[in-house]
C-alpha atoms as a PDB file:
ATOM      1  CA  UNK A   1      83.958 151.571  85.485  1.00  0.00           C
ATOM      2  CA  UNK A   2      83.708 150.874  81.799  1.00  0.00           C
ATOM      3  CA  UNK A   3      80.713 151.108  79.844  1.00  0.00           C
ATOM      4  CA  UNK A   4      79.974 147.382  78.402  1.00  0.00           C
ATOM      5  CA  UNK A   5      77.657 146.585  75.633  1.00  0.00           C
ATOM      6  CA  UNK A   6      76.688 143.214  74.619  1.00  0.00           C
ATOM      7  CA  UNK A   7      74.725 143.188  71.206  1.00  0.00           C
ATOM      8  CA  UNK A   8      73.988 146.691  71.760  1.00  0.00           C
ATOM      9  CA  UNK A   9      72.276 146.300  75.189  1.00  0.00           C
ATOM     10  CA  UNK A  10      74.144 147.684  78.373  1.00  0.00           C
ATOM     11  CA  UNK A  11      75.326 145.106  80.657  1.00  0.00           C
ATOM     12  CA  UNK A  12      75.920 146.997  83.937  1.00  0.00           C
ATOM     13  CA  UNK A  13      76.907 143.662  85.746  1.00  0.00           C
ATOM     14  CA  UNK A  14      80.133 143.417  83.629  1.00  0.00           C
ATOM     15  CA  UNK A  15      80.997 146.905  84.085  1.00  0.00           C
ATOM     16  CA  UNK A  16      83.238 145.998  87.177  1.00  0.00           C
ATOM     17  CA  UNK A  17      85.749 144.024  85.058  1.00  0.00           C
ATOM     18  CA  UNK A  18      89.005 146.305  84.953  1.00  0.00           C
ATOM     19  CA  UNK A  19      90.956 144.623  82.228  1.00  0.00           C
ATOM     20  CA  UNK A  20      89.897 143.597  78.796  1.00  0.00           C
ATOM     21  CA  UNK A  21      91.108 140.090  78.570  1.00  0.00           C
ATOM     22  CA  UNK A  22      89.506 139.185  81.759  1.00  0.00           C
ATOM     23  CA  UNK A  23      86.312 140.627  80.389  1.00  0.00           C
ATOM     24  CA  UNK A  24      86.630 138.646  77.107  1.00  0.00           C
ATOM     25  CA  UNK A  25      87.310 135.520  78.766  1.00  0.00           C
ATOM     26  CA  UNK A  26      84.228 135.754  81.106  1.00  0.00           C
ATOM     27  CA  UNK A  27      81.664 136.642  78.171  1.00  0.00           C
ATOM     28  CA  UNK A  28      83.085 133.837  76.210  1.00  0.00           C
ATOM     29  CA  UNK A  29      82.614 131.256  79.018  1.00  0.00           C
ATOM     30  CA  UNK A  30      79.074 132.644  80.023  1.00  0.00           C
ATOM     31  CA  UNK A  31      78.028 132.586  76.141  1.00  0.00           C
ATOM     32  CA  UNK A  32      79.251 128.867  75.947  1.00  0.00           C
ATOM     33  CA  UNK A  33      76.083 128.249  78.036  1.00  0.00           C
ATOM     34  CA  UNK A  34      73.485 129.299  75.807  1.00  0.00           C
ATOM     35  CA  UNK A  35      75.285 128.707  72.447  1.00  0.00           C
ATOM     36  CA  UNK A  36      76.648 132.258  71.970  1.00  0.00           C
ATOM     37  CA  UNK A  37      80.090 133.243  70.822  1.00  0.00           C
ATOM     38  CA  UNK A  38      81.875 136.200  70.576  1.00  0.00           C
ATOM     39  CA  UNK A  39      82.130 137.533  66.535  1.00  0.00           C
ATOM     40  CA  UNK A  40      83.193 140.932  67.426  1.00  0.00           C
ATOM     41  CA  UNK A  41      84.873 142.902  70.074  1.00  0.00           C
ATOM     42  CA  UNK A  42      85.324 146.859  69.820  1.00  0.00           C
ATOM     43  CA  UNK A  43      86.951 149.354  72.284  1.00  0.00           C
ATOM     44  CA  UNK A  44      85.820 152.883  71.914  1.00  0.00           C
ATOM     45  CA  UNK A  45      84.893 152.066  68.323  1.00  0.00           C
ATOM     46  CA  UNK A  46      87.966 150.145  67.261  1.00  0.00           C
ATOM     47  CA  UNK A  47      87.820 146.679  66.345  1.00  0.00           C
ATOM     48  CA  UNK A  48      90.054 144.397  68.488  1.00  0.00           C
ATOM     49  CA  UNK A  49      91.847 141.331  66.693  1.00  0.00           C
ATOM     50  CA  UNK A  50      91.358 138.779  69.177  1.00  0.00           C
ATOM     51  CA  UNK A  51      94.051 136.456  67.604  1.00  0.00           C
ATOM     52  CA  UNK A  52      96.881 139.077  67.009  1.00  0.00           C
ATOM     53  CA  UNK A  53      96.735 142.044  69.245  1.00  0.00           C
ATOM     54  CA  UNK A  54      97.626 142.097  73.019  1.00  0.00           C
ATOM     55  CA  UNK A  55      94.434 142.324  74.805  1.00  0.00           C
ATOM     56  CA  UNK A  56      95.349 142.472  78.428  1.00  0.00           C
ATOM     57  CA  UNK A  57      94.898 146.353  78.631  1.00  0.00           C
ATOM     58  CA  UNK A  58      93.599 148.109  81.347  1.00  0.00           C
ATOM     59  CA  UNK A  59      89.917 149.477  81.154  1.00  0.00           C
ATOM     60  CA  UNK A  60      89.265 153.162  82.297  1.00  0.00           C
ATOM     61  CA  UNK A  61      85.876 154.734  83.376  1.00  0.00           C
ATOM     62  CA  UNK A  62      85.587 156.513  79.764  1.00  0.00           C
ATOM     63  CA  UNK A  63      86.118 153.152  77.969  1.00  0.00           C
ATOM     64  CA  UNK A  64      83.467 151.759  75.862  1.00  0.00           C
ATOM     65  CA  UNK A  65      83.592 148.001  75.067  1.00  0.00           C
ATOM     66  CA  UNK A  66      81.002 146.365  72.888  1.00  0.00           C
ATOM     67  CA  UNK A  67      80.665 142.887  72.114  1.00  0.00           C
ATOM     68  CA  UNK A  68      78.645 140.983  69.071  1.00  0.00           C
ATOM     69  CA  UNK A  69      77.565 137.595  70.193  1.00  0.00           C
ATOM     70  CA  UNK A  70      76.265 135.143  67.772  1.00  0.00           C
ATOM     71  CA  UNK A  71      74.811 131.792  67.868  1.00  0.00           C
ATOM     72  CA  UNK A  72      76.744 128.817  66.242  1.00  0.00           C
ATOM     73  CA  UNK A  73      74.489 128.865  63.011  1.00  0.00           C
ATOM     74  CA  UNK A  74      74.520 132.702  63.018  1.00  0.00           C
ATOM     75  CA  UNK A  75      78.272 132.502  63.059  1.00  0.00           C
ATOM     76  CA  UNK A  76      78.674 129.816  60.421  1.00  0.00           C
ATOM     77  CA  UNK A  77      76.408 132.053  58.018  1.00  0.00           C
ATOM     78  CA  UNK A  78      78.861 135.192  58.641  1.00  0.00           C
ATOM     79  CA  UNK A  79      81.531 132.705  57.751  1.00  0.00           C
ATOM     80  CA  UNK A  80      79.754 131.890  54.448  1.00  0.00           C
ATOM     81  CA  UNK A  81      79.302 135.485  53.822  1.00  0.00           C
ATOM     82  CA  UNK A  82      83.089 136.047  54.256  1.00  0.00           C
ATOM     83  CA  UNK A  83      84.098 133.446  51.876  1.00  0.00           C
ATOM     84  CA  UNK A  84      83.794 135.127  48.556  1.00  0.00           C
ATOM     85  CA  UNK A  85      86.328 137.508  49.430  1.00  0.00           C
ATOM     86  CA  UNK A  86      88.671 134.910  51.028  1.00  0.00           C
ATOM     87  CA  UNK A  87      88.546 132.899  47.854  1.00  0.00           C
ATOM     88  CA  UNK A  88      89.309 136.011  45.888  1.00  0.00           C
ATOM     89  CA  UNK A  89      92.352 136.726  47.930  1.00  0.00           C
ATOM     90  CA  UNK A  90      93.403 133.101  47.090  1.00  0.00           C
ATOM     91  CA  UNK A  91      92.836 133.466  43.196  1.00  0.00           C
ATOM     92  CA  UNK A  92      94.889 136.638  43.407  1.00  0.00           C
ATOM     93  CA  UNK A  93      97.867 134.803  45.024  1.00  0.00           C
ATOM     94  CA  UNK A  94      97.582 131.900  42.351  1.00  0.00           C
ATOM     95  CA  UNK A  95      97.587 134.621  39.748  1.00  0.00           C
ATOM     96  CA  UNK A  96     100.976 135.716  41.318  1.00  0.00           C
ATOM     97  CA  UNK A  97     102.322 132.407  41.112  1.00  0.00           C
ATOM     98  CA  UNK A  98     101.474 131.838  37.485  1.00  0.00           C
ATOM     99  CA  UNK A  99     102.955 135.470  36.805  1.00  0.00           C
ATOM    100  CA  UNK A 100     106.188 134.449  38.422  1.00  0.00           C
ATOM    101  CA  UNK A 101     106.316 131.261  36.351  1.00  0.00           C
ATOM    102  CA  UNK A 102     106.147 132.989  33.456  1.00  0.00           C
ATOM    103  CA  UNK A 103     108.940 135.350  34.344  1.00  0.00           C
ATOM    104  CA  UNK A 104     111.001 132.581  35.559  1.00  0.00           C
ATOM    105  CA  UNK A 105     111.258 133.935  39.081  1.00  0.00           C
ATOM    106  CA  UNK A 106     111.207 130.562  41.029  1.00  0.00           C
ATOM    107  CA  UNK A 107     112.202 131.888  44.048  1.00  0.00           C
ATOM    108  CA  UNK A 108     108.960 134.111  44.130  1.00  0.00           C
ATOM    109  CA  UNK A 109     107.130 131.220  42.748  1.00  0.00           C
ATOM    110  CA  UNK A 110     108.076 129.046  45.785  1.00  0.00           C
ATOM    111  CA  UNK A 111     107.239 132.162  48.065  1.00  0.00           C
ATOM    112  CA  UNK A 112     103.725 132.585  46.632  1.00  0.00           C
ATOM    113  CA  UNK A 113     103.046 128.835  46.517  1.00  0.00           C
ATOM    114  CA  UNK A 114     103.577 128.555  49.903  1.00  0.00           C
ATOM    115  CA  UNK A 115     101.207 131.244  50.792  1.00  0.00           C
ATOM    116  CA  UNK A 116      98.483 129.620  48.645  1.00  0.00           C
ATOM    117  CA  UNK A 117      98.933 126.440  50.470  1.00  0.00           C
ATOM    118  CA  UNK A 118      98.597 128.179  53.933  1.00  0.00           C
ATOM    119  CA  UNK A 119      95.344 130.113  52.669  1.00  0.00           C
ATOM    120  CA  UNK A 120      93.859 126.912  51.533  1.00  0.00           C
ATOM    121  CA  UNK A 121      94.644 125.496  54.848  1.00  0.00           C
ATOM    122  CA  UNK A 122      92.862 127.888  56.607  1.00  0.00           C
ATOM    123  CA  UNK A 123      90.070 127.711  54.021  1.00  0.00           C
ATOM    124  CA  UNK A 124      89.592 123.935  54.502  1.00  0.00           C
ATOM    125  CA  UNK A 125      89.504 124.278  58.343  1.00  0.00           C
ATOM    126  CA  UNK A 126      86.888 127.053  57.904  1.00  0.00           C
ATOM    127  CA  UNK A 127      84.658 125.238  55.747  1.00  0.00           C
ATOM    128  CA  UNK A 128      84.965 121.785  57.278  1.00  0.00           C
ATOM    129  CA  UNK A 129      83.671 123.448  60.932  1.00  0.00           C
ATOM    130  CA  UNK A 130      81.217 125.480  59.242  1.00  0.00           C
ATOM    131  CA  UNK A 131      79.446 122.792  56.980  1.00  0.00           C
ATOM    132  CA  UNK A 132      79.613 120.597  60.190  1.00  0.00           C
ATOM    133  CA  UNK A 133      77.605 123.247  61.859  1.00  0.00           C
ATOM    134  CA  UNK A 134      75.129 123.350  59.076  1.00  0.00           C
ATOM    135  CA  UNK A 135      74.726 119.453  58.837  1.00  0.00           C
ATOM    136  CA  UNK A 136      73.901 119.414  62.704  1.00  0.00           C
ATOM    137  CA  UNK A 137      71.039 122.001  62.047  1.00  0.00           C
ATOM    138  CA  UNK A 138      69.951 119.703  59.186  1.00  0.00           C
ATOM    139  CA  UNK A 139      70.203 122.708  56.736  1.00  0.00           C
ATOM    140  CA  UNK A 140      71.938 121.024  54.112  1.00  0.00           C
ATOM    141  CA  UNK A 141      69.872 118.745  51.715  1.00  0.00           C
ATOM    142  CA  UNK A 142      70.855 115.530  50.625  1.00  0.00           C
ATOM    143  CA  UNK A 143      71.626 116.661  46.933  1.00  0.00           C
ATOM    144  CA  UNK A 144      74.052 119.393  48.434  1.00  0.00           C
ATOM    145  CA  UNK A 145      75.819 116.667  50.609  1.00  0.00           C
ATOM    146  CA  UNK A 146      76.642 114.717  47.617  1.00  0.00           C
ATOM    147  CA  UNK A 147      78.153 117.744  46.013  1.00  0.00           C
ATOM    148  CA  UNK A 148      80.135 118.817  48.932  1.00  0.00           C
ATOM    149  CA  UNK A 149      81.517 115.450  48.953  1.00  0.00           C
ATOM    150  CA  UNK A 150      82.336 115.502  45.423  1.00  0.00           C
ATOM    151  CA  UNK A 151      84.131 118.792  45.597  1.00  0.00           C
ATOM    152  CA  UNK A 152      85.842 118.103  48.884  1.00  0.00           C
ATOM    153  CA  UNK A 153      87.418 114.910  47.169  1.00  0.00           C
ATOM    154  CA  UNK A 154      88.183 116.962  44.346  1.00  0.00           C
ATOM    155  CA  UNK A 155      90.155 119.463  46.526  1.00  0.00           C
ATOM    156  CA  UNK A 156      91.992 116.683  48.168  1.00  0.00           C
ATOM    157  CA  UNK A 157      93.528 115.331  44.914  1.00  0.00           C
ATOM    158  CA  UNK A 158      94.310 118.793  43.612  1.00  0.00           C
ATOM    159  CA  UNK A 159      96.216 119.577  46.818  1.00  0.00           C
ATOM    160  CA  UNK A 160      98.132 116.007  46.602  1.00  0.00           C
ATOM    161  CA  UNK A 161      98.807 116.695  42.850  1.00  0.00           C
ATOM    162  CA  UNK A 162     100.523 120.446  43.948  1.00  0.00           C
ATOM    163  CA  UNK A 163     102.487 118.782  46.713  1.00  0.00           C
ATOM    164  CA  UNK A 164     103.597 115.992  44.289  1.00  0.00           C
ATOM    165  CA  UNK A 165     104.202 118.872  41.541  1.00  0.00           C
ATOM    166  CA  UNK A 166     106.462 120.552  44.035  1.00  0.00           C
ATOM    167  CA  UNK A 167     108.307 117.719  45.293  1.00  0.00           C
ATOM    168  CA  UNK A 168     109.213 116.903  41.524  1.00  0.00           C
ATOM    169  CA  UNK A 169     109.906 120.605  40.925  1.00  0.00           C
ATOM    170  CA  UNK A 170     107.764 120.382  38.002  1.00  0.00           C
ATOM    171  CA  UNK A 171     106.612 124.378  37.756  1.00  0.00           C
ATOM    172  CA  UNK A 172     104.862 123.658  34.892  1.00  0.00           C
ATOM    173  CA  UNK A 173     102.647 121.087  36.251  1.00  0.00           C
ATOM    174  CA  UNK A 174     102.447 123.251  39.710  1.00  0.00           C
ATOM    175  CA  UNK A 175     100.922 126.465  37.532  1.00  0.00           C
ATOM    176  CA  UNK A 176      98.552 124.235  35.476  1.00  0.00           C
ATOM    177  CA  UNK A 177      96.992 122.668  38.730  1.00  0.00           C
ATOM    178  CA  UNK A 178      96.674 126.339  40.372  1.00  0.00           C
ATOM    179  CA  UNK A 179      95.594 128.069  37.560  1.00  0.00           C
ATOM    180  CA  UNK A 180      92.847 125.722  36.094  1.00  0.00           C
ATOM    181  CA  UNK A 181      92.148 122.892  38.567  1.00  0.00           C
ATOM    182  CA  UNK A 182      92.353 124.857  41.835  1.00  0.00           C
ATOM    183  CA  UNK A 183      90.779 127.783  40.502  1.00  0.00           C
ATOM    184  CA  UNK A 184      87.787 126.002  39.034  1.00  0.00           C
ATOM    185  CA  UNK A 185      87.356 124.124  42.550  1.00  0.00           C
ATOM    186  CA  UNK A 186      87.034 127.426  44.426  1.00  0.00           C
ATOM    187  CA  UNK A 187      84.724 128.621  42.224  1.00  0.00           C
ATOM    188  CA  UNK A 188      82.502 125.658  42.389  1.00  0.00           C
ATOM    189  CA  UNK A 189      82.469 126.069  46.258  1.00  0.00           C
ATOM    190  CA  UNK A 190      81.349 129.911  45.761  1.00  0.00           C
ATOM    191  CA  UNK A 191      78.803 129.089  43.185  1.00  0.00           C
ATOM    192  CA  UNK A 192      77.292 125.289  43.901  1.00  0.00           C
ATOM    193  CA  UNK A 193      77.692 125.074  47.488  1.00  0.00           C
ATOM    194  CA  UNK A 194      77.823 128.663  49.176  1.00  0.00           C
ATOM    195  CA  UNK A 195      75.350 130.150  47.280  1.00  0.00           C
ATOM    196  CA  UNK A 196      72.902 127.355  48.113  1.00  0.00           C
ATOM    197  CA  UNK A 197      73.754 127.614  52.005  1.00  0.00           C
ATOM    198  CA  UNK A 198      73.330 131.269  51.914  1.00  0.00           C
ATOM    199  CA  UNK A 199      69.644 131.130  50.488  1.00  0.00           C
ATOM    200  CA  UNK A 200      68.716 129.187  53.714  1.00  0.00           C
ATOM    201  CA  UNK A 201      69.749 131.859  55.707  1.00  0.00           C
ATOM    202  CA  UNK A 202      66.187 133.886  55.596  1.00  0.00           C
ATOM    203  CA  UNK A 203      64.503 130.607  56.051  1.00  0.00           C
ATOM    204  CA  UNK A 204      66.451 129.998  59.052  1.00  0.00           C
ATOM    205  CA  UNK A 205      66.129 133.362  60.631  1.00  0.00           C
END
């Protein structure tokens, strides 16, 4: 039977599961009842990508499967901690669009722009769910709520402008919105909003 760990604690009652997919499903289901969600899974020390990898592998007696479970609030704080790198990734892709604009390589501009929009879509989904979690826990002050509303509205206007520029094939407008407006908006999220939320982490714990 496989060796199962939940937050570094041995869970012998789960060792009878013989395949990873069933084990993950069972832990996910049982965790919902006490507000605990799977944040990380490792098999023999190697991380499992729950979204991308084929996880229906059989487990052997020598396998060690470790799960990191977090509450919704803890998970939300982890998302906030990771946003800095995610924003830097978006800005790097924006820089690629601008460089290709200056080169006149419009095929690459279109390709990179599509990636930027996809990244922003994921970003907005993450922050929407995360901020909703903090609101439910009353961890966002009224002043910060107002700032969030303002920056959200600004981001929406920028995205509308970007799609309009793309439709009009106005590359100059597209690059200006990306380089100046969108980067500024992402920086405001990082400095004005996420830094304030992160300061609540120690208080919450």
